[in-house]
Amino acid sequence: MKLLYFAWLKQRTGISEETVSPPDDVRTVAALVDWLRLRGPGYADAFADLRPIRVAVNQEFAAFDSAIGPDDEIALFPPVTGG
């Protein structure tokens, strides 16, 4: 599973992307985020409040209850504003 982090999520985790193999019971975006929080203080800080975070699964906007699989690409980012 490929994860992409943008903006302040990238700053707090310290990386822009990574490939992970979460446990088999991680089947939704929410479960993935719960698992990521356990990976260290940067992740815990990045995902402490999910309200401002948006998600895309395979380049399609998704909800935290969306199903995910081992071959998916998950992007996590704050809301995008134009100017």
PDB file of N, CA and C in Angstrom:
ATOM      1  N   MET A   1       0.854  -1.161   0.000  1.00  0.00           N
ATOM      2  CA  MET A   1       0.000   0.000   0.000  1.00  0.00           C
ATOM      3  C   MET A   1       0.906   1.232   0.000  1.00  0.00           C
ATOM      4  N   LYS A   2       0.610   2.148  -0.903  1.00  0.00           N
ATOM      5  CA  LYS A   2       1.399   3.362  -0.993  1.00  0.00           C
ATOM      6  C   LYS A   2       0.639   4.508  -0.324  1.00  0.00           C
ATOM      7  N   LEU A   3       1.336   5.232   0.563  1.00  0.00           N
ATOM      8  CA  LEU A   3       0.751   6.367   1.255  1.00  0.00           C
ATOM      9  C   LEU A   3       1.451   7.642   0.819  1.00  0.00           C
ATOM     10  N   LEU A   4       0.664   8.681   0.584  1.00  0.00           N
ATOM     11  CA  LEU A   4       1.186   9.992   0.211  1.00  0.00           C
ATOM     12  C   LEU A   4       0.708  11.001   1.242  1.00  0.00           C
ATOM     13  N   TYR A   5       1.634  11.836   1.725  1.00  0.00           N
ATOM     14  CA  TYR A   5       1.310  12.856   2.722  1.00  0.00           C
ATOM     15  C   TYR A   5       1.597  14.229   2.123  1.00  0.00           C
ATOM     16  N   PHE A   6       0.698  15.175   2.347  1.00  0.00           N
ATOM     17  CA  PHE A   6       0.851  16.512   1.788  1.00  0.00           C
ATOM     18  C   PHE A   6       0.765  17.577   2.878  1.00  0.00           C
ATOM     19  N   ALA A   7       1.379  18.733   2.590  1.00  0.00           N
ATOM     20  CA  ALA A   7       1.335  19.929   3.439  1.00  0.00           C
ATOM     21  C   ALA A   7       1.804  19.604   4.854  1.00  0.00           C
ATOM     22  N   TRP A   8       1.039  20.021   5.871  1.00  0.00           N
ATOM     23  CA  TRP A   8       1.488  19.832   7.244  1.00  0.00           C
ATOM     24  C   TRP A   8       1.504  18.377   7.671  1.00  0.00           C
ATOM     25  N   LEU A   9       0.777  17.504   6.991  1.00  0.00           N
ATOM     26  CA  LEU A   9       0.879  16.069   7.301  1.00  0.00           C
ATOM     27  C   LEU A   9       2.274  15.561   6.928  1.00  0.00           C
ATOM     28  N   LYS A  10       2.781  16.046   5.818  1.00  0.00           N
ATOM     29  CA  LYS A  10       4.140  15.704   5.391  1.00  0.00           C
ATOM     30  C   LYS A  10       5.157  16.216   6.409  1.00  0.00           C
ATOM     31  N   GLN A  11       4.964  17.420   6.894  1.00  0.00           N
ATOM     32  CA  GLN A  11       5.887  18.000   7.875  1.00  0.00           C
ATOM     33  C   GLN A  11       5.861  17.224   9.186  1.00  0.00           C
ATOM     34  N   ARG A  12       4.692  16.865   9.642  1.00  0.00           N
ATOM     35  CA  ARG A  12       4.583  16.188  10.943  1.00  0.00           C
ATOM     36  C   ARG A  12       5.058  14.740  10.901  1.00  0.00           C
ATOM     37  N   THR A  13       4.806  14.039   9.789  1.00  0.00           N
ATOM     38  CA  THR A  13       5.286  12.659   9.684  1.00  0.00           C
ATOM     39  C   THR A  13       6.756  12.618   9.309  1.00  0.00           C
ATOM     40  N   GLY A  14       7.240  13.677   8.662  1.00  0.00           N
ATOM     41  CA  GLY A  14       8.633  13.732   8.243  1.00  0.00           C
ATOM     42  C   GLY A  14       8.905  13.090   6.898  1.00  0.00           C
ATOM     43  N   ILE A  15       7.845  12.660   6.202  1.00  0.00           N
ATOM     44  CA  ILE A  15       8.016  12.017   4.891  1.00  0.00           C
ATOM     45  C   ILE A  15       6.884  12.436   3.958  1.00  0.00           C
ATOM     46  N   SER A  16       7.133  12.344   2.674  1.00  0.00           N
ATOM     47  CA  SER A  16       6.091  12.679   1.709  1.00  0.00           C
ATOM     48  C   SER A  16       5.375  11.439   1.189  1.00  0.00           C
ATOM     49  N   GLU A  17       6.054  10.306   1.227  1.00  0.00           N
ATOM     50  CA  GLU A  17       5.406   9.065   0.806  1.00  0.00           C
ATOM     51  C   GLU A  17       6.138   7.873   1.388  1.00  0.00           C
ATOM     52  N   GLU A  18       5.401   6.772   1.464  1.00  0.00           N
ATOM     53  CA  GLU A  18       5.983   5.524   1.946  1.00  0.00           C
ATOM     54  C   GLU A  18       5.126   4.357   1.480  1.00  0.00           C
ATOM     55  N   THR A  19       5.725   3.192   1.470  1.00  0.00           N
ATOM     56  CA  THR A  19       5.010   1.961   1.181  1.00  0.00           C
ATOM     57  C   THR A  19       4.933   1.181   2.480  1.00  0.00           C
ATOM     58  N   VAL A  20       3.717   0.776   2.845  1.00  0.00           N
ATOM     59  CA  VAL A  20       3.503   0.070   4.115  1.00  0.00           C
ATOM     60  C   VAL A  20       2.739  -1.227   3.886  1.00  0.00           C
ATOM     61  N   SER A  21       2.853  -2.107   4.847  1.00  0.00           N
ATOM     62  CA  SER A  21       2.084  -3.355   4.866  1.00  0.00           C
ATOM     63  C   SER A  21       1.385  -3.448   6.211  1.00  0.00           C
ATOM     64  N   PRO A  22       0.233  -2.778   6.341  1.00  0.00           N
ATOM     65  CA  PRO A  22      -0.472  -2.832   7.624  1.00  0.00           C
ATOM     66  C   PRO A  22      -1.035  -4.226   7.891  1.00  0.00           C
ATOM     67  N   PRO A  23      -1.421  -4.499   9.122  1.00  0.00           N
ATOM     68  CA  PRO A  23      -2.018  -5.797   9.451  1.00  0.00           C
ATOM     69  C   PRO A  23      -3.273  -6.070   8.608  1.00  0.00           C
ATOM     70  N   ASP A  24      -3.618  -7.328   8.490  1.00  0.00           N
ATOM     71  CA  ASP A  24      -4.765  -7.737   7.671  1.00  0.00           C
ATOM     72  C   ASP A  24      -6.085  -7.133   8.126  1.00  0.00           C
ATOM     73  N   ASP A  25      -6.201  -6.778   9.409  1.00  0.00           N
ATOM     74  CA  ASP A  25      -7.470  -6.224   9.895  1.00  0.00           C
ATOM     75  C   ASP A  25      -7.631  -4.740   9.565  1.00  0.00           C
ATOM     76  N   VAL A  26      -6.649  -4.135   8.934  1.00  0.00           N
ATOM     77  CA  VAL A  26      -6.747  -2.737   8.496  1.00  0.00           C
ATOM     78  C   VAL A  26      -7.403  -2.744   7.119  1.00  0.00           C
ATOM     79  N   ARG A  27      -8.725  -2.512   7.112  1.00  0.00           N
ATOM     80  CA  ARG A  27      -9.501  -2.627   5.872  1.00  0.00           C
ATOM     81  C   ARG A  27     -10.220  -1.349   5.477  1.00  0.00           C
ATOM     82  N   THR A  28     -10.093  -0.293   6.303  1.00  0.00           N
ATOM     83  CA  THR A  28     -10.704   1.001   5.984  1.00  0.00           C
ATOM     84  C   THR A  28      -9.657   2.096   6.199  1.00  0.00           C
ATOM     85  N   VAL A  29      -9.944   3.260   5.659  1.00  0.00           N
ATOM     86  CA  VAL A  29      -9.054   4.393   5.873  1.00  0.00           C
ATOM     87  C   VAL A  29      -8.947   4.689   7.371  1.00  0.00           C
ATOM     88  N   ALA A  30     -10.052   4.656   8.088  1.00  0.00           N
ATOM     89  CA  ALA A  30     -10.042   4.932   9.530  1.00  0.00           C
ATOM     90  C   ALA A  30      -9.143   3.946  10.274  1.00  0.00           C
ATOM     91  N   ALA A  31      -9.226   2.679   9.937  1.00  0.00           N
ATOM     92  CA  ALA A  31      -8.376   1.676  10.582  1.00  0.00           C
ATOM     93  C   ALA A  31      -6.907   1.916  10.234  1.00  0.00           C
ATOM     94  N   LEU A  32      -6.641   2.348   9.015  1.00  0.00           N
ATOM     95  CA  LEU A  32      -5.273   2.671   8.618  1.00  0.00           C
ATOM     96  C   LEU A  32      -4.737   3.823   9.462  1.00  0.00           C
ATOM     97  N   VAL A  33      -5.530   4.873   9.625  1.00  0.00           N
ATOM     98  CA  VAL A  33      -5.098   6.017  10.423  1.00  0.00           C
ATOM     99  C   VAL A  33      -4.865   5.606  11.878  1.00  0.00           C
ATOM    100  N   ASP A  34      -5.727   4.777  12.420  1.00  0.00           N
ATOM    101  CA  ASP A  34      -5.526   4.278  13.788  1.00  0.00           C
ATOM    102  C   ASP A  34      -4.191   3.550  13.899  1.00  0.00           C
ATOM    103  N   TRP A  35      -3.870   2.735  12.902  1.00  0.00           N
ATOM    104  CA  TRP A  35      -2.607   1.995  12.885  1.00  0.00           C
ATOM    105  C   TRP A  35      -1.425   2.951  12.725  1.00  0.00           C
ATOM    106  N   LEU A  36      -1.575   3.943  11.865  1.00  0.00           N
ATOM    107  CA  LEU A  36      -0.488   4.904  11.651  1.00  0.00           C
ATOM    108  C   LEU A  36      -0.166   5.673  12.933  1.00  0.00           C
ATOM    109  N   ARG A  37      -1.177   6.034  13.700  1.00  0.00           N
ATOM    110  CA  ARG A  37      -0.958   6.775  14.954  1.00  0.00           C
ATOM    111  C   ARG A  37      -0.004   6.049  15.892  1.00  0.00           C
ATOM    112  N   LEU A  38       0.007   4.725  15.820  1.00  0.00           N
ATOM    113  CA  LEU A  38       0.848   3.917  16.707  1.00  0.00           C
ATOM    114  C   LEU A  38       2.302   3.851  16.245  1.00  0.00           C
ATOM    115  N   ARG A  39       2.595   4.411  15.079  1.00  0.00           N
ATOM    116  CA  ARG A  39       3.940   4.297  14.506  1.00  0.00           C
ATOM    117  C   ARG A  39       4.928   5.317  15.043  1.00  0.00           C
ATOM    118  N   GLY A  40       4.467   6.246  15.858  1.00  0.00           N
ATOM    119  CA  GLY A  40       5.394   7.207  16.443  1.00  0.00           C
ATOM    120  C   GLY A  40       4.745   8.540  16.712  1.00  0.00           C
ATOM    121  N   PRO A  41       5.461   9.419  17.427  1.00  0.00           N
ATOM    122  CA  PRO A  41       4.885  10.701  17.823  1.00  0.00           C
ATOM    123  C   PRO A  41       4.540  11.607  16.648  1.00  0.00           C
ATOM    124  N   GLY A  42       5.311  11.582  15.572  1.00  0.00           N
ATOM    125  CA  GLY A  42       4.992  12.404  14.403  1.00  0.00           C
ATOM    126  C   GLY A  42       3.671  12.002  13.782  1.00  0.00           C
ATOM    127  N   TYR A  43       3.431  10.706  13.690  1.00  0.00           N
ATOM    128  CA  TYR A  43       2.166  10.206  13.154  1.00  0.00           C
ATOM    129  C   TYR A  43       1.018  10.520  14.113  1.00  0.00           C
ATOM    130  N   ALA A  44       1.248  10.317  15.397  1.00  0.00           N
ATOM    131  CA  ALA A  44       0.207  10.612  16.390  1.00  0.00           C
ATOM    132  C   ALA A  44      -0.184  12.081  16.324  1.00  0.00           C
ATOM    133  N   ASP A  45       0.802  12.962  16.162  1.00  0.00           N
ATOM    134  CA  ASP A  45       0.530  14.388  16.055  1.00  0.00           C
ATOM    135  C   ASP A  45      -0.209  14.711  14.753  1.00  0.00           C
ATOM    136  N   ALA A  46       0.247  14.125  13.661  1.00  0.00           N
ATOM    137  CA  ALA A  46      -0.366  14.393  12.352  1.00  0.00           C
ATOM    138  C   ALA A  46      -1.839  13.982  12.322  1.00  0.00           C
ATOM    139  N   PHE A  47      -2.159  12.886  12.981  1.00  0.00           N
ATOM    140  CA  PHE A  47      -3.518  12.348  12.913  1.00  0.00           C
ATOM    141  C   PHE A  47      -4.298  12.503  14.219  1.00  0.00           C
ATOM    142  N   ALA A  48      -3.887  13.460  15.042  1.00  0.00           N
ATOM    143  CA  ALA A  48      -4.590  13.688  16.310  1.00  0.00           C
ATOM    144  C   ALA A  48      -6.015  14.177  16.086  1.00  0.00           C
ATOM    145  N   ASP A  49      -6.217  14.992  15.067  1.00  0.00           N
ATOM    146  CA  ASP A  49      -7.542  15.539  14.763  1.00  0.00           C
ATOM    147  C   ASP A  49      -7.818  15.276  13.282  1.00  0.00           C
ATOM    148  N   LEU A  50      -8.774  14.432  12.998  1.00  0.00           N
ATOM    149  CA  LEU A  50      -9.058  14.050  11.608  1.00  0.00           C
ATOM    150  C   LEU A  50      -9.981  15.024  10.891  1.00  0.00           C
ATOM    151  N   ARG A  51     -10.597  15.944  11.617  1.00  0.00           N
ATOM    152  CA  ARG A  51     -11.568  16.850  10.985  1.00  0.00           C
ATOM    153  C   ARG A  51     -10.996  17.635   9.803  1.00  0.00           C
ATOM    154  N   PRO A  52      -9.762  18.125   9.871  1.00  0.00           N
ATOM    155  CA  PRO A  52      -9.264  18.890   8.722  1.00  0.00           C
ATOM    156  C   PRO A  52      -8.594  18.039   7.637  1.00  0.00           C
ATOM    157  N   ILE A  53      -8.593  16.735   7.803  1.00  0.00           N
ATOM    158  CA  ILE A  53      -7.878  15.872   6.859  1.00  0.00           C
ATOM    159  C   ILE A  53      -8.829  15.316   5.803  1.00  0.00           C
ATOM    160  N   ARG A  54      -8.385  15.351   4.577  1.00  0.00           N
ATOM    161  CA  ARG A  54      -9.112  14.765   3.444  1.00  0.00           C
ATOM    162  C   ARG A  54      -8.323  13.558   2.948  1.00  0.00           C
ATOM    163  N   VAL A  55      -9.042  12.664   2.256  1.00  0.00           N
ATOM    164  CA  VAL A  55      -8.443  11.415   1.803  1.00  0.00           C
ATOM    165  C   VAL A  55      -8.810  11.152   0.348  1.00  0.00           C
ATOM    166  N   ALA A  56      -7.873  10.571  -0.377  1.00  0.00           N
ATOM    167  CA  ALA A  56      -8.160  10.048  -1.709  1.00  0.00           C
ATOM    168  C   ALA A  56      -7.623   8.624  -1.762  1.00  0.00           C
ATOM    169  N   VAL A  57      -8.434   7.733  -2.293  1.00  0.00           N
ATOM    170  CA  VAL A  57      -8.019   6.347  -2.504  1.00  0.00           C
ATOM    171  C   VAL A  57      -7.955   6.141  -4.012  1.00  0.00           C
ATOM    172  N   ASN A  58      -6.779   5.813  -4.484  1.00  0.00           N
ATOM    173  CA  ASN A  58      -6.550   5.640  -5.919  1.00  0.00           C
ATOM    174  C   ASN A  58      -7.018   6.861  -6.713  1.00  0.00           C
ATOM    175  N   GLN A  59      -6.659   8.036  -6.195  1.00  0.00           N
ATOM    176  CA  GLN A  59      -6.906   9.334  -6.821  1.00  0.00           C
ATOM    177  C   GLN A  59      -8.385   9.713  -6.918  1.00  0.00           C
ATOM    178  N   GLU A  60      -9.209   9.101  -6.063  1.00  0.00           N
ATOM    179  CA  GLU A  60     -10.630   9.447  -5.968  1.00  0.00           C
ATOM    180  C   GLU A  60     -10.916   9.854  -4.527  1.00  0.00           C
ATOM    181  N   PHE A  61     -11.586  11.002  -4.345  1.00  0.00           N
ATOM    182  CA  PHE A  61     -11.930  11.407  -2.983  1.00  0.00           C
ATOM    183  C   PHE A  61     -12.668  10.272  -2.288  1.00  0.00           C
ATOM    184  N   ALA A  62     -12.369  10.089  -0.998  1.00  0.00           N
ATOM    185  CA  ALA A  62     -12.941   8.982  -0.239  1.00  0.00           C
ATOM    186  C   ALA A  62     -13.238   9.441   1.184  1.00  0.00           C
ATOM    187  N   ALA A  63     -14.032   8.646   1.880  1.00  0.00           N
ATOM    188  CA  ALA A  63     -14.365   8.895   3.281  1.00  0.00           C
ATOM    189  C   ALA A  63     -13.507   7.992   4.161  1.00  0.00           C
ATOM    190  N   PHE A  64     -13.489   8.292   5.450  1.00  0.00           N
ATOM    191  CA  PHE A  64     -12.691   7.478   6.364  1.00  0.00           C
ATOM    192  C   PHE A  64     -13.236   6.059   6.508  1.00  0.00           C
ATOM    193  N   ASP A  65     -14.493   5.834   6.164  1.00  0.00           N
ATOM    194  CA  ASP A  65     -15.036   4.477   6.235  1.00  0.00           C
ATOM    195  C   ASP A  65     -14.879   3.720   4.915  1.00  0.00           C
ATOM    196  N   SER A  66     -14.177   4.310   3.958  1.00  0.00           N
ATOM    197  CA  SER A  66     -13.949   3.655   2.654  1.00  0.00           C
ATOM    198  C   SER A  66     -13.030   2.451   2.802  1.00  0.00           C
ATOM    199  N   ALA A  67     -13.344   1.410   2.052  1.00  0.00           N
ATOM    200  CA  ALA A  67     -12.533   0.196   2.062  1.00  0.00           C
ATOM    201  C   ALA A  67     -11.206   0.436   1.337  1.00  0.00           C
ATOM    202  N   ILE A  68     -10.158  -0.197   1.841  1.00  0.00           N
ATOM    203  CA  ILE A  68      -8.845  -0.122   1.213  1.00  0.00           C
ATOM    204  C   ILE A  68      -8.245  -1.512   1.136  1.00  0.00           C
ATOM    205  N   GLY A  69      -7.287  -1.671   0.225  1.00  0.00           N
ATOM    206  CA  GLY A  69      -6.604  -2.939   0.066  1.00  0.00           C
ATOM    207  C   GLY A  69      -5.111  -2.745  -0.096  1.00  0.00           C
ATOM    208  N   PRO A  70      -4.365  -3.841  -0.134  1.00  0.00           N
ATOM    209  CA  PRO A  70      -2.909  -3.768  -0.150  1.00  0.00           C
ATOM    210  C   PRO A  70      -2.310  -3.119  -1.402  1.00  0.00           C
ATOM    211  N   ASP A  71      -3.040  -3.055  -2.490  1.00  0.00           N
ATOM    212  CA  ASP A  71      -2.511  -2.470  -3.722  1.00  0.00           C
ATOM    213  C   ASP A  71      -2.966  -1.034  -3.945  1.00  0.00           C
ATOM    214  N   ASP A  72      -3.633  -0.450  -2.962  1.00  0.00           N
ATOM    215  CA  ASP A  72      -4.176   0.899  -3.111  1.00  0.00           C
ATOM    216  C   ASP A  72      -3.142   1.980  -2.831  1.00  0.00           C
ATOM    217  N   GLU A  73      -3.418   3.150  -3.402  1.00  0.00           N
ATOM    218  CA  GLU A  73      -2.656   4.357  -3.105  1.00  0.00           C
ATOM    219  C   GLU A  73      -3.584   5.262  -2.299  1.00  0.00           C
ATOM    220  N   ILE A  74      -3.132   5.651  -1.103  1.00  0.00           N
ATOM    221  CA  ILE A  74      -3.931   6.507  -0.234  1.00  0.00           C
ATOM    222  C   ILE A  74      -3.203   7.827  -0.052  1.00  0.00           C
ATOM    223  N   ALA A  75      -3.870   8.915  -0.398  1.00  0.00           N
ATOM    224  CA  ALA A  75      -3.310  10.252  -0.206  1.00  0.00           C
ATOM    225  C   ALA A  75      -4.040  10.918   0.944  1.00  0.00           C
ATOM    226  N   LEU A  76      -3.284  11.535   1.831  1.00  0.00           N
ATOM    227  CA  LEU A  76      -3.838  12.229   2.998  1.00  0.00           C
ATOM    228  C   LEU A  76      -3.367  13.665   2.945  1.00  0.00           C
ATOM    229  N   PHE A  77      -4.323  14.600   3.041  1.00  0.00           N
ATOM    230  CA  PHE A  77      -3.989  16.017   2.834  1.00  0.00           C
ATOM    231  C   PHE A  77      -5.020  16.906   3.521  1.00  0.00           C
ATOM    232  N   PRO A  78      -4.613  18.146   3.806  1.00  0.00           N
ATOM    233  CA  PRO A  78      -5.566  19.120   4.339  1.00  0.00           C
ATOM    234  C   PRO A  78      -6.440  19.639   3.202  1.00  0.00           C
ATOM    235  N   PRO A  79      -7.539  20.313   3.530  1.00  0.00           N
ATOM    236  CA  PRO A  79      -8.385  20.879   2.479  1.00  0.00           C
ATOM    237  C   PRO A  79      -7.570  21.809   1.571  1.00  0.00           C
ATOM    238  N   VAL A  80      -7.899  21.788   0.313  1.00  0.00           N
ATOM    239  CA  VAL A  80      -7.200  22.612  -0.655  1.00  0.00           C
ATOM    240  C   VAL A  80      -8.007  23.894  -0.873  1.00  0.00           C
ATOM    241  N   THR A  81      -7.321  25.019  -0.822  1.00  0.00           N
ATOM    242  CA  THR A  81      -7.991  26.280  -1.085  1.00  0.00           C
ATOM    243  C   THR A  81      -7.368  26.936  -2.302  1.00  0.00           C
ATOM    244  N   GLY A  82      -8.163  27.645  -3.030  1.00  0.00           N
ATOM    245  CA  GLY A  82      -7.662  28.329  -4.226  1.00  0.00           C
ATOM    246  C   GLY A  82      -7.401  29.789  -3.939  1.00  0.00           C
ATOM    247  N   GLY A  83      -6.811  30.437  -4.921  1.00  0.00           N
ATOM    248  CA  GLY A  83      -6.542  31.841  -4.705  1.00  0.00           C
ATOM    249  C   GLY A  83      -6.386  32.575  -6.000  1.00  0.00           C
TER     250      GLY A  83
END
